[in-house]
Amino acid sequence: MDLDYLTGAGFAALLIGSLIYLAILALSIWIGYLVIKAAVRNGLREHTLWLEQRRGPIR
């Protein structure tokens, strides 16, 4: 029995699995970045509004 083709198939499956894992990891990091960016933007906007109410318009 020649099982050399199974070694190649196993390597291909490992490679594809690793690529899918890395893609999901990259997507998760990107989504996390976008969520944090939106939160910081909203926080700065709220802080600016609070300052304007307290001290008057900022130039």
PDB file of N, CA and C in Angstrom:
ATOM      1  N   MET A   1       0.835  -1.188   0.000  1.00  0.00           N
ATOM      2  CA  MET A   1       0.000   0.000   0.000  1.00  0.00           C
ATOM      3  C   MET A   1       0.874   1.244   0.000  1.00  0.00           C
ATOM      4  N   ASP A   2       0.555   2.169  -0.879  1.00  0.00           N
ATOM      5  CA  ASP A   2       1.304   3.412  -0.964  1.00  0.00           C
ATOM      6  C   ASP A   2       0.498   4.528  -0.297  1.00  0.00           C
ATOM      7  N   LEU A   3       0.992   5.029   0.841  1.00  0.00           N
ATOM      8  CA  LEU A   3       0.262   6.034   1.610  1.00  0.00           C
ATOM      9  C   LEU A   3       0.912   7.409   1.522  1.00  0.00           C
ATOM     10  N   ASP A   4       1.771   7.624   0.532  1.00  0.00           N
ATOM     11  CA  ASP A   4       2.442   8.919   0.407  1.00  0.00           C
ATOM     12  C   ASP A   4       1.454  10.040   0.098  1.00  0.00           C
ATOM     13  N   TYR A   5       0.404   9.750  -0.625  1.00  0.00           N
ATOM     14  CA  TYR A   5      -0.570  10.791  -0.958  1.00  0.00           C
ATOM     15  C   TYR A   5      -1.305  11.258   0.298  1.00  0.00           C
ATOM     16  N   LEU A   6      -1.438  10.411   1.321  1.00  0.00           N
ATOM     17  CA  LEU A   6      -2.077  10.834   2.573  1.00  0.00           C
ATOM     18  C   LEU A   6      -1.219  11.852   3.305  1.00  0.00           C
ATOM     19  N   THR A   7       0.085  11.734   3.209  1.00  0.00           N
ATOM     20  CA  THR A   7       0.981  12.705   3.842  1.00  0.00           C
ATOM     21  C   THR A   7       0.782  14.076   3.203  1.00  0.00           C
ATOM     22  N   GLY A   8       0.699  14.105   1.896  1.00  0.00           N
ATOM     23  CA  GLY A   8       0.456  15.363   1.198  1.00  0.00           C
ATOM     24  C   GLY A   8      -0.905  15.937   1.533  1.00  0.00           C
ATOM     25  N   ALA A   9      -1.907  15.084   1.633  1.00  0.00           N
ATOM     26  CA  ALA A   9      -3.254  15.551   1.973  1.00  0.00           C
ATOM     27  C   ALA A   9      -3.284  16.092   3.399  1.00  0.00           C
ATOM     28  N   GLY A  10      -2.560  15.440   4.300  1.00  0.00           N
ATOM     29  CA  GLY A  10      -2.497  15.912   5.681  1.00  0.00           C
ATOM     30  C   GLY A  10      -1.820  17.265   5.773  1.00  0.00           C
ATOM     31  N   PHE A  11      -0.749  17.443   5.008  1.00  0.00           N
ATOM     32  CA  PHE A  11      -0.047  18.721   4.997  1.00  0.00           C
ATOM     33  C   PHE A  11      -0.933  19.813   4.414  1.00  0.00           C
ATOM     34  N   ALA A  12      -1.666  19.488   3.347  1.00  0.00           N
ATOM     35  CA  ALA A  12      -2.564  20.465   2.736  1.00  0.00           C
ATOM     36  C   ALA A  12      -3.680  20.850   3.707  1.00  0.00           C
ATOM     37  N   ALA A  13      -4.233  19.882   4.414  1.00  0.00           N
ATOM     38  CA  ALA A  13      -5.287  20.167   5.388  1.00  0.00           C
ATOM     39  C   ALA A  13      -4.739  21.025   6.525  1.00  0.00           C
ATOM     40  N   LEU A  14      -3.528  20.742   6.983  1.00  0.00           N
ATOM     41  CA  LEU A  14      -2.898  21.543   8.026  1.00  0.00           C
ATOM     42  C   LEU A  14      -2.664  22.970   7.550  1.00  0.00           C
ATOM     43  N   LEU A  15      -2.225  23.122   6.330  1.00  0.00           N
ATOM     44  CA  LEU A  15      -1.973  24.444   5.763  1.00  0.00           C
ATOM     45  C   LEU A  15      -3.274  25.233   5.615  1.00  0.00           C
ATOM     46  N   ILE A  16      -4.303  24.603   5.085  1.00  0.00           N
ATOM     47  CA  ILE A  16      -5.596  25.278   4.912  1.00  0.00           C
ATOM     48  C   ILE A  16      -6.201  25.625   6.274  1.00  0.00           C
ATOM     49  N   GLY A  17      -6.111  24.713   7.208  1.00  0.00           N
ATOM     50  CA  GLY A  17      -6.620  24.975   8.561  1.00  0.00           C
ATOM     51  C   GLY A  17      -5.894  26.136   9.219  1.00  0.00           C
ATOM     52  N   SER A  18      -4.582  26.191   9.043  1.00  0.00           N
ATOM     53  CA  SER A  18      -3.798  27.290   9.613  1.00  0.00           C
ATOM     54  C   SER A  18      -4.177  28.620   8.972  1.00  0.00           C
ATOM     55  N   LEU A  19      -4.386  28.621   7.669  1.00  0.00           N
ATOM     56  CA  LEU A  19      -4.777  29.850   6.985  1.00  0.00           C
ATOM     57  C   LEU A  19      -6.153  30.331   7.439  1.00  0.00           C
ATOM     58  N   ILE A  20      -7.085  29.407   7.601  1.00  0.00           N
ATOM     59  CA  ILE A  20      -8.417  29.777   8.078  1.00  0.00           C
ATOM     60  C   ILE A  20      -8.331  30.320   9.503  1.00  0.00           C
ATOM     61  N   TYR A  21      -7.529  29.679  10.343  1.00  0.00           N
ATOM     62  CA  TYR A  21      -7.343  30.142  11.720  1.00  0.00           C
ATOM     63  C   TYR A  21      -6.774  31.559  11.741  1.00  0.00           C
ATOM     64  N   LEU A  22      -5.752  31.809  10.938  1.00  0.00           N
ATOM     65  CA  LEU A  22      -5.143  33.139  10.889  1.00  0.00           C
ATOM     66  C   LEU A  22      -6.108  34.186  10.339  1.00  0.00           C
ATOM     67  N   ALA A  23      -6.935  33.797   9.362  1.00  0.00           N
ATOM     68  CA  ALA A  23      -7.913  34.731   8.809  1.00  0.00           C
ATOM     69  C   ALA A  23      -8.957  35.108   9.861  1.00  0.00           C
ATOM     70  N   ILE A  24      -9.422  34.136  10.616  1.00  0.00           N
ATOM     71  CA  ILE A  24     -10.400  34.412  11.668  1.00  0.00           C
ATOM     72  C   ILE A  24      -9.772  35.275  12.762  1.00  0.00           C
ATOM     73  N   LEU A  25      -8.533  34.996  13.112  1.00  0.00           N
ATOM     74  CA  LEU A  25      -7.829  35.797  14.110  1.00  0.00           C
ATOM     75  C   LEU A  25      -7.660  37.244  13.634  1.00  0.00           C
ATOM     76  N   ALA A  26      -7.260  37.429  12.385  1.00  0.00           N
ATOM     77  CA  ALA A  26      -7.089  38.774  11.835  1.00  0.00           C
ATOM     78  C   ALA A  26      -8.420  39.513  11.786  1.00  0.00           C
ATOM     79  N   LEU A  27      -9.485  38.828  11.401  1.00  0.00           N
ATOM     80  CA  LEU A  27     -10.806  39.439  11.352  1.00  0.00           C
ATOM     81  C   LEU A  27     -11.265  39.857  12.754  1.00  0.00           C
ATOM     82  N   SER A  28     -11.006  39.028  13.743  1.00  0.00           N
ATOM     83  CA  SER A  28     -11.377  39.356  15.119  1.00  0.00           C
ATOM     84  C   SER A  28     -10.623  40.582  15.616  1.00  0.00           C
ATOM     85  N   ILE A  29      -9.337  40.656  15.321  1.00  0.00           N
ATOM     86  CA  ILE A  29      -8.541  41.815  15.733  1.00  0.00           C
ATOM     87  C   ILE A  29      -9.043  43.072  15.036  1.00  0.00           C
ATOM     88  N   TRP A  30      -9.362  42.976  13.760  1.00  0.00           N
ATOM     89  CA  TRP A  30      -9.855  44.135  13.005  1.00  0.00           C
ATOM     90  C   TRP A  30     -11.194  44.627  13.554  1.00  0.00           C
ATOM     91  N   ILE A  31     -12.102  43.702  13.844  1.00  0.00           N
ATOM     92  CA  ILE A  31     -13.402  44.080  14.406  1.00  0.00           C
ATOM     93  C   ILE A  31     -13.210  44.709  15.784  1.00  0.00           C
ATOM     94  N   GLY A  32     -12.325  44.155  16.585  1.00  0.00           N
ATOM     95  CA  GLY A  32     -12.027  44.746  17.886  1.00  0.00           C
ATOM     96  C   GLY A  32     -11.481  46.152  17.748  1.00  0.00           C
ATOM     97  N   TYR A  33     -10.598  46.363  16.778  1.00  0.00           N
ATOM     98  CA  TYR A  33     -10.051  47.697  16.518  1.00  0.00           C
ATOM     99  C   TYR A  33     -11.162  48.680  16.159  1.00  0.00           C
ATOM    100  N   LEU A  34     -12.088  48.261  15.290  1.00  0.00           N
ATOM    101  CA  LEU A  34     -13.178  49.147  14.886  1.00  0.00           C
ATOM    102  C   LEU A  34     -14.093  49.484  16.055  1.00  0.00           C
ATOM    103  N   VAL A  35     -14.354  48.527  16.930  1.00  0.00           N
ATOM    104  CA  VAL A  35     -15.203  48.766  18.094  1.00  0.00           C
ATOM    105  C   VAL A  35     -14.528  49.760  19.038  1.00  0.00           C
ATOM    106  N   ILE A  36     -13.244  49.561  19.294  1.00  0.00           N
ATOM    107  CA  ILE A  36     -12.518  50.463  20.185  1.00  0.00           C
ATOM    108  C   ILE A  36     -12.428  51.862  19.581  1.00  0.00           C
ATOM    109  N   LYS A  37     -12.193  51.934  18.282  1.00  0.00           N
ATOM    110  CA  LYS A  37     -12.115  53.231  17.603  1.00  0.00           C
ATOM    111  C   LYS A  37     -13.440  53.988  17.731  1.00  0.00           C
ATOM    112  N   ALA A  38     -14.555  53.301  17.534  1.00  0.00           N
ATOM    113  CA  ALA A  38     -15.868  53.938  17.659  1.00  0.00           C
ATOM    114  C   ALA A  38     -16.118  54.383  19.099  1.00  0.00           C
ATOM    115  N   ALA A  39     -15.704  53.577  20.061  1.00  0.00           N
ATOM    116  CA  ALA A  39     -15.909  53.935  21.463  1.00  0.00           C
ATOM    117  C   ALA A  39     -15.097  55.172  21.838  1.00  0.00           C
ATOM    118  N   VAL A  40     -13.862  55.241  21.379  1.00  0.00           N
ATOM    119  CA  VAL A  40     -13.028  56.407  21.665  1.00  0.00           C
ATOM    120  C   VAL A  40     -13.611  57.646  21.000  1.00  0.00           C
ATOM    121  N   ARG A  41     -14.053  57.518  19.763  1.00  0.00           N
ATOM    122  CA  ARG A  41     -14.655  58.655  19.053  1.00  0.00           C
ATOM    123  C   ARG A  41     -15.882  59.167  19.797  1.00  0.00           C
ATOM    124  N   ASN A  42     -16.753  58.257  20.231  1.00  0.00           N
ATOM    125  CA  ASN A  42     -17.953  58.668  20.955  1.00  0.00           C
ATOM    126  C   ASN A  42     -17.598  59.279  22.305  1.00  0.00           C
ATOM    127  N   GLY A  43     -16.612  58.726  22.974  1.00  0.00           N
ATOM    128  CA  GLY A  43     -16.190  59.277  24.255  1.00  0.00           C
ATOM    129  C   GLY A  43     -15.623  60.677  24.111  1.00  0.00           C
ATOM    130  N   LEU A  44     -14.823  60.908  23.077  1.00  0.00           N
ATOM    131  CA  LEU A  44     -14.281  62.251  22.852  1.00  0.00           C
ATOM    132  C   LEU A  44     -15.387  63.239  22.496  1.00  0.00           C
ATOM    133  N   ARG A  45     -16.361  62.799  21.724  1.00  0.00           N
ATOM    134  CA  ARG A  45     -17.468  63.679  21.363  1.00  0.00           C
ATOM    135  C   ARG A  45     -18.283  64.051  22.599  1.00  0.00           C
ATOM    136  N   GLU A  46     -18.569  63.073  23.452  1.00  0.00           N
ATOM    137  CA  GLU A  46     -19.311  63.352  24.680  1.00  0.00           C
ATOM    138  C   GLU A  46     -18.521  64.277  25.596  1.00  0.00           C
ATOM    139  N   HIS A  47     -17.228  64.078  25.682  1.00  0.00           N
ATOM    140  CA  HIS A  47     -16.394  64.926  26.526  1.00  0.00           C
ATOM    141  C   HIS A  47     -16.363  66.358  25.986  1.00  0.00           C
ATOM    142  N   THR A  48     -16.278  66.509  24.678  1.00  0.00           N
ATOM    143  CA  THR A  48     -16.294  67.841  24.069  1.00  0.00           C
ATOM    144  C   THR A  48     -17.620  68.546  24.354  1.00  0.00           C
ATOM    145  N   LEU A  49     -18.732  67.839  24.227  1.00  0.00           N
ATOM    146  CA  LEU A  49     -20.031  68.424  24.539  1.00  0.00           C
ATOM    147  C   LEU A  49     -20.115  68.825  26.004  1.00  0.00           C
ATOM    148  N   TRP A  50     -19.582  67.997  26.879  1.00  0.00           N
ATOM    149  CA  TRP A  50     -19.585  68.305  28.304  1.00  0.00           C
ATOM    150  C   TRP A  50     -18.756  69.561  28.581  1.00  0.00           C
ATOM    151  N   LEU A  51     -17.595  69.680  27.938  1.00  0.00           N
ATOM    152  CA  LEU A  51     -16.766  70.867  28.124  1.00  0.00           C
ATOM    153  C   LEU A  51     -17.467  72.111  27.605  1.00  0.00           C
ATOM    154  N   GLU A  52     -18.135  72.010  26.453  1.00  0.00           N
ATOM    155  CA  GLU A  52     -18.846  73.163  25.899  1.00  0.00           C
ATOM    156  C   GLU A  52     -19.981  73.600  26.811  1.00  0.00           C
ATOM    157  N   GLN A  53     -20.668  72.674  27.424  1.00  0.00           N
ATOM    158  CA  GLN A  53     -21.743  73.019  28.357  1.00  0.00           C
ATOM    159  C   GLN A  53     -21.171  73.696  29.601  1.00  0.00           C
ATOM    160  N   ARG A  54     -20.012  73.289  30.006  1.00  0.00           N
ATOM    161  CA  ARG A  54     -19.409  73.785  31.239  1.00  0.00           C
ATOM    162  C   ARG A  54     -18.708  75.119  31.050  1.00  0.00           C
ATOM    163  N   ARG A  55     -17.991  75.286  29.947  1.00  0.00           N
ATOM    164  CA  ARG A  55     -17.142  76.467  29.762  1.00  0.00           C
ATOM    165  C   ARG A  55     -17.554  77.337  28.590  1.00  0.00           C
ATOM    166  N   GLY A  56     -18.456  76.916  27.777  1.00  0.00           N
ATOM    167  CA  GLY A  56     -18.805  77.646  26.565  1.00  0.00           C
ATOM    168  C   GLY A  56     -18.150  76.993  25.371  1.00  0.00           C
ATOM    169  N   PRO A  57     -18.500  77.440  24.160  1.00  0.00           N
ATOM    170  CA  PRO A  57     -17.982  76.805  22.940  1.00  0.00           C
ATOM    171  C   PRO A  57     -16.466  76.858  22.862  1.00  0.00           C
ATOM    172  N   ILE A  58     -15.883  75.798  22.372  1.00  0.00           N
ATOM    173  CA  ILE A  58     -14.436  75.740  22.150  1.00  0.00           C
ATOM    174  C   ILE A  58     -14.169  76.320  20.770  1.00  0.00           C
ATOM    175  N   ARG A  59     -13.373  77.328  20.699  1.00  0.00           N
ATOM    176  CA  ARG A  59     -13.033  78.044  19.465  1.00  0.00           C
ATOM    177  C   ARG A  59     -13.522  77.374  18.254  1.00  0.00           C
TER     178      ARG A  59
END
